[in-house]
PDB file of N, CA and C in Angstrom:
ATOM      1  N   MET A   1      28.803 -24.521  50.720  1.00  0.00           N
ATOM      2  CA  MET A   1      28.566 -23.245  50.322  1.00  0.00           C
ATOM      3  C   MET A   1      27.421 -22.638  51.213  1.00  0.00           C
ATOM      4  N   PHE A   2      26.286 -23.417  50.924  1.00  0.00           N
ATOM      5  CA  PHE A   2      24.808 -23.091  51.273  1.00  0.00           C
ATOM      6  C   PHE A   2      24.702 -23.722  52.646  1.00  0.00           C
ATOM      7  N   ARG A   3      24.010 -22.661  53.511  1.00  0.00           N
ATOM      8  CA  ARG A   3      23.597 -23.575  54.761  1.00  0.00           C
ATOM      9  C   ARG A   3      22.173 -24.282  54.544  1.00  0.00           C
ATOM     10  N   GLU A   4      22.176 -25.262  55.261  1.00  0.00           N
ATOM     11  CA  GLU A   4      20.948 -26.182  55.246  1.00  0.00           C
ATOM     12  C   GLU A   4      19.605 -25.359  55.702  1.00  0.00           C
ATOM     13  N   ILE A   5      18.651 -25.737  55.129  1.00  0.00           N
ATOM     14  CA  ILE A   5      17.254 -24.992  55.559  1.00  0.00           C
ATOM     15  C   ILE A   5      16.855 -25.462  56.842  1.00  0.00           C
ATOM     16  N   ARG A   6      16.434 -24.419  57.690  1.00  0.00           N
ATOM     17  CA  ARG A   6      16.053 -24.846  59.425  1.00  0.00           C
ATOM     18  C   ARG A   6      14.808 -25.451  59.332  1.00  0.00           C
ATOM     19  N   LYS A   7      13.942 -24.872  58.570  1.00  0.00           N
ATOM     20  CA  LYS A   7      12.672 -25.630  58.650  1.00  0.00           C
ATOM     21  C   LYS A   7      12.163 -26.094  57.341  1.00  0.00           C
ATOM     22  N   LYS A   8      12.573 -27.773  57.472  1.00  0.00           N
ATOM     23  CA  LYS A   8      12.518 -28.688  56.353  1.00  0.00           C
ATOM     24  C   LYS A   8      10.988 -28.732  55.867  1.00  0.00           C
ATOM     25  N   LYS A   9      10.059 -28.366  56.687  1.00  0.00           N
ATOM     26  CA  LYS A   9       8.522 -28.486  56.189  1.00  0.00           C
ATOM     27  C   LYS A   9       8.197 -27.192  55.143  1.00  0.00           C
ATOM     28  N   ASN A  10       9.186 -26.202  55.117  1.00  0.00           N
ATOM     29  CA  ASN A  10       9.071 -25.257  54.142  1.00  0.00           C
ATOM     30  C   ASN A  10       9.784 -25.339  52.940  1.00  0.00           C
ATOM     31  N   GLU A  11      10.449 -26.146  53.016  1.00  0.00           N
ATOM     32  CA  GLU A  11      11.346 -26.526  51.699  1.00  0.00           C
ATOM     33  C   GLU A  11      10.468 -27.013  50.420  1.00  0.00           C
ATOM     34  N   ILE A  12      10.830 -26.436  49.325  1.00  0.00           N
ATOM     35  CA  ILE A  12       9.957 -26.926  48.187  1.00  0.00           C
ATOM     36  C   ILE A  12      11.036 -27.501  47.043  1.00  0.00           C
ATOM     37  N   ASN A  13      10.927 -28.141  46.177  1.00  0.00           N
ATOM     38  CA  ASN A  13      11.477 -28.794  45.197  1.00  0.00           C
ATOM     39  C   ASN A  13      11.822 -27.891  44.079  1.00  0.00           C
ATOM     40  N   ILE A  14      12.836 -28.185  42.998  1.00  0.00           N
ATOM     41  CA  ILE A  14      12.873 -27.088  41.961  1.00  0.00           C
ATOM     42  C   ILE A  14      11.742 -27.057  41.166  1.00  0.00           C
ATOM     43  N   ALA A  15      10.930 -28.094  40.725  1.00  0.00           N
ATOM     44  CA  ALA A  15       9.763 -27.786  39.891  1.00  0.00           C
ATOM     45  C   ALA A  15       8.803 -26.766  40.475  1.00  0.00           C
ATOM     46  N   MET A  16       8.556 -26.904  41.684  1.00  0.00           N
ATOM     47  CA  MET A  16       7.771 -26.002  42.468  1.00  0.00           C
ATOM     48  C   MET A  16       8.337 -24.610  42.586  1.00  0.00           C
ATOM     49  N   ALA A  17       9.503 -24.528  42.707  1.00  0.00           N
ATOM     50  CA  ALA A  17      10.116 -23.067  42.516  1.00  0.00           C
ATOM     51  C   ALA A  17       9.725 -22.515  41.477  1.00  0.00           C
ATOM     52  N   LYS A  18      10.133 -23.212  40.277  1.00  0.00           N
ATOM     53  CA  LYS A  18      10.007 -22.724  38.777  1.00  0.00           C
ATOM     54  C   LYS A  18       8.557 -22.431  38.703  1.00  0.00           C
ATOM     55  N   LEU A  19       7.434 -23.067  39.051  1.00  0.00           N
ATOM     56  CA  LEU A  19       6.255 -22.933  38.774  1.00  0.00           C
ATOM     57  C   LEU A  19       5.696 -21.804  39.869  1.00  0.00           C
ATOM     58  N   LEU A  20       6.356 -21.454  41.134  1.00  0.00           N
ATOM     59  CA  LEU A  20       5.951 -20.264  41.687  1.00  0.00           C
ATOM     60  C   LEU A  20       6.473 -19.145  41.278  1.00  0.00           C
ATOM     61  N   LEU A  21       7.620 -19.077  40.684  1.00  0.00           N
ATOM     62  CA  LEU A  21       8.138 -17.814  39.884  1.00  0.00           C
ATOM     63  C   LEU A  21       7.421 -17.648  38.498  1.00  0.00           C
ATOM     64  N   GLU A  22       6.998 -18.438  37.845  1.00  0.00           N
ATOM     65  CA  GLU A  22       6.406 -18.361  36.692  1.00  0.00           C
ATOM     66  C   GLU A  22       4.952 -17.812  36.785  1.00  0.00           C
ATOM     67  N   SER A  23       4.130 -18.174  37.927  1.00  0.00           N
ATOM     68  CA  SER A  23       3.004 -17.908  38.059  1.00  0.00           C
ATOM     69  C   SER A  23       2.704 -16.540  38.910  1.00  0.00           C
ATOM     70  N   SER A  24       3.837 -15.962  39.498  1.00  0.00           N
ATOM     71  CA  SER A  24       3.863 -14.622  40.222  1.00  0.00           C
ATOM     72  C   SER A  24       4.392 -13.588  39.419  1.00  0.00           C
ATOM     73  N   ARG A  25       3.630 -12.292  39.568  1.00  0.00           N
ATOM     74  CA  ARG A  25       4.062 -11.030  38.819  1.00  0.00           C
ATOM     75  C   ARG A  25       5.194 -10.481  39.537  1.00  0.00           C
ATOM     76  N   ARG A  26       5.334 -10.720  40.834  1.00  0.00           N
ATOM     77  CA  ARG A  26       6.493 -10.158  41.472  1.00  0.00           C
ATOM     78  C   ARG A  26       6.720 -10.620  42.847  1.00  0.00           C
ATOM     79  N   GLY A  27       7.962 -10.489  43.304  1.00  0.00           N
ATOM     80  CA  GLY A  27       8.041 -11.001  44.742  1.00  0.00           C
ATOM     81  C   GLY A  27       9.650 -10.629  45.104  1.00  0.00           C
ATOM     82  N   VAL A  28       9.905 -10.841  46.304  1.00  0.00           N
ATOM     83  CA  VAL A  28      11.295 -10.378  46.907  1.00  0.00           C
ATOM     84  C   VAL A  28      11.685 -11.552  47.776  1.00  0.00           C
ATOM     85  N   LEU A  29      12.847 -12.033  47.695  1.00  0.00           N
ATOM     86  CA  LEU A  29      13.525 -13.125  48.333  1.00  0.00           C
ATOM     87  C   LEU A  29      14.347 -12.422  49.363  1.00  0.00           C
ATOM     88  N   ALA A  30      13.836 -12.587  50.657  1.00  0.00           N
ATOM     89  CA  ALA A  30      14.764 -11.920  51.812  1.00  0.00           C
ATOM     90  C   ALA A  30      15.164 -13.164  52.707  1.00  0.00           C
ATOM     91  N   VAL A  31      16.405 -12.779  53.160  1.00  0.00           N
ATOM     92  CA  VAL A  31      17.208 -13.609  53.952  1.00  0.00           C
ATOM     93  C   VAL A  31      18.061 -12.852  54.771  1.00  0.00           C
ATOM     94  N   ASN A  32      18.739 -13.589  55.781  1.00  0.00           N
ATOM     95  CA  ASN A  32      19.786 -13.136  56.805  1.00  0.00           C
ATOM     96  C   ASN A  32      20.898 -13.650  56.255  1.00  0.00           C
ATOM     97  N   GLY A  33      21.877 -12.758  56.057  1.00  0.00           N
ATOM     98  CA  GLY A  33      23.271 -13.007  55.516  1.00  0.00           C
ATOM     99  C   GLY A  33      24.145 -13.682  56.669  1.00  0.00           C
ATOM    100  N   ASP A  34      25.250 -14.105  56.260  1.00  0.00           N
ATOM    101  CA  ASP A  34      26.250 -14.857  57.314  1.00  0.00           C
ATOM    102  C   ASP A  34      26.543 -13.901  58.572  1.00  0.00           C
ATOM    103  N   ASP A  35      26.465 -12.619  58.418  1.00  0.00           N
ATOM    104  CA  ASP A  35      26.855 -11.954  59.737  1.00  0.00           C
ATOM    105  C   ASP A  35      25.395 -11.310  60.108  1.00  0.00           C
ATOM    106  N   GLY A  36      24.302 -11.912  59.718  1.00  0.00           N
ATOM    107  CA  GLY A  36      22.930 -11.542  60.480  1.00  0.00           C
ATOM    108  C   GLY A  36      22.452 -10.358  59.804  1.00  0.00           C
ATOM    109  N   TYR A  37      23.098  -9.756  58.879  1.00  0.00           N
ATOM    110  CA  TYR A  37      22.345  -8.635  58.146  1.00  0.00           C
ATOM    111  C   TYR A  37      21.265  -8.890  57.182  1.00  0.00           C
ATOM    112  N   PRO A  38      20.305  -8.311  57.005  1.00  0.00           N
ATOM    113  CA  PRO A  38      19.199  -8.550  56.057  1.00  0.00           C
ATOM    114  C   PRO A  38      19.719  -8.433  54.722  1.00  0.00           C
ATOM    115  N   TYR A  39      19.078  -9.386  53.806  1.00  0.00           N
ATOM    116  CA  TYR A  39      19.560  -9.105  52.326  1.00  0.00           C
ATOM    117  C   TYR A  39      18.346  -9.390  51.589  1.00  0.00           C
ATOM    118  N   ALA A  40      17.932  -8.545  50.717  1.00  0.00           N
ATOM    119  CA  ALA A  40      16.741  -8.811  49.719  1.00  0.00           C
ATOM    120  C   ALA A  40      17.117  -8.750  48.277  1.00  0.00           C
ATOM    121  N   ILE A  41      16.497  -9.472  47.484  1.00  0.00           N
ATOM    122  CA  ILE A  41      16.594  -9.590  46.098  1.00  0.00           C
ATOM    123  C   ILE A  41      15.272  -9.735  45.335  1.00  0.00           C
ATOM    124  N   PRO A  42      14.973  -8.583  44.632  1.00  0.00           N
ATOM    125  CA  PRO A  42      13.738  -8.773  43.645  1.00  0.00           C
ATOM    126  C   PRO A  42      13.794  -9.864  42.554  1.00  0.00           C
ATOM    127  N   ILE A  43      12.835 -10.769  42.938  1.00  0.00           N
ATOM    128  CA  ILE A  43      12.656 -12.057  42.159  1.00  0.00           C
ATOM    129  C   ILE A  43      12.115 -11.705  40.900  1.00  0.00           C
ATOM    130  N   ASN A  44      11.236 -10.901  40.595  1.00  0.00           N
ATOM    131  CA  ASN A  44      10.939 -10.414  39.280  1.00  0.00           C
ATOM    132  C   ASN A  44      12.090 -10.171  38.302  1.00  0.00           C
ATOM    133  N   LYS A  45      13.139  -9.642  38.839  1.00  0.00           N
ATOM    134  CA  LYS A  45      14.232  -9.130  37.936  1.00  0.00           C
ATOM    135  C   LYS A  45      14.986 -10.402  37.738  1.00  0.00           C
ATOM    136  N   VAL A  46      15.201 -11.061  38.693  1.00  0.00           N
ATOM    137  CA  VAL A  46      16.018 -12.531  38.390  1.00  0.00           C
ATOM    138  C   VAL A  46      15.379 -13.326  37.635  1.00  0.00           C
ATOM    139  N   LEU A  47      13.859 -13.251  37.388  1.00  0.00           N
ATOM    140  CA  LEU A  47      13.312 -14.174  36.452  1.00  0.00           C
ATOM    141  C   LEU A  47      13.432 -13.618  35.074  1.00  0.00           C
ATOM    142  N   GLU A  48      13.529 -12.350  35.015  1.00  0.00           N
ATOM    143  CA  GLU A  48      13.655 -11.684  33.622  1.00  0.00           C
ATOM    144  C   GLU A  48      14.830 -12.044  32.983  1.00  0.00           C
ATOM    145  N   ILE A  49      15.967 -12.060  33.981  1.00  0.00           N
ATOM    146  CA  ILE A  49      17.372 -12.460  33.545  1.00  0.00           C
ATOM    147  C   ILE A  49      17.248 -13.826  33.012  1.00  0.00           C
ATOM    148  N   LEU A  50      16.930 -14.890  33.663  1.00  0.00           N
ATOM    149  CA  LEU A  50      16.781 -16.269  33.542  1.00  0.00           C
ATOM    150  C   LEU A  50      16.038 -16.602  32.287  1.00  0.00           C
ATOM    151  N   ARG A  51      15.053 -15.748  31.852  1.00  0.00           N
ATOM    152  CA  ARG A  51      14.324 -16.074  30.669  1.00  0.00           C
ATOM    153  C   ARG A  51      15.184 -15.375  29.393  1.00  0.00           C
ATOM    154  N   GLN A  52      15.944 -14.541  29.645  1.00  0.00           N
ATOM    155  CA  GLN A  52      16.760 -14.062  28.491  1.00  0.00           C
ATOM    156  C   GLN A  52      17.812 -15.103  28.179  1.00  0.00           C
ATOM    157  N   GLU A  53      18.072 -15.926  29.252  1.00  0.00           N
ATOM    158  CA  GLU A  53      19.173 -16.972  29.122  1.00  0.00           C
ATOM    159  C   GLU A  53      18.712 -18.175  28.370  1.00  0.00           C
ATOM    160  N   GLY A  54      17.473 -18.338  28.421  1.00  0.00           N
ATOM    161  CA  GLY A  54      16.767 -19.722  27.817  1.00  0.00           C
ATOM    162  C   GLY A  54      15.500 -20.067  28.729  1.00  0.00           C
ATOM    163  N   PRO A  55      15.023 -21.324  28.308  1.00  0.00           N
ATOM    164  CA  PRO A  55      13.820 -21.734  28.799  1.00  0.00           C
ATOM    165  C   PRO A  55      14.070 -22.243  30.399  1.00  0.00           C
ATOM    166  N   LEU A  56      13.465 -22.028  31.269  1.00  0.00           N
ATOM    167  CA  LEU A  56      13.529 -22.363  32.686  1.00  0.00           C
ATOM    168  C   LEU A  56      13.360 -23.801  32.789  1.00  0.00           C
TER     169      LEU A  56
END
């Protein structure tokens, strides 16, 4: 389903990703979609939803 990361040196583990999300006030995850169209998601909103569902 997901493509492999191109730059392995930029890959972080799940624990580091959670720490990054919890320590940042806001952020945007931007990627290129399958057809090359840019796609951006505000991460602070995603984190709010995850916190409502339970502890990270």
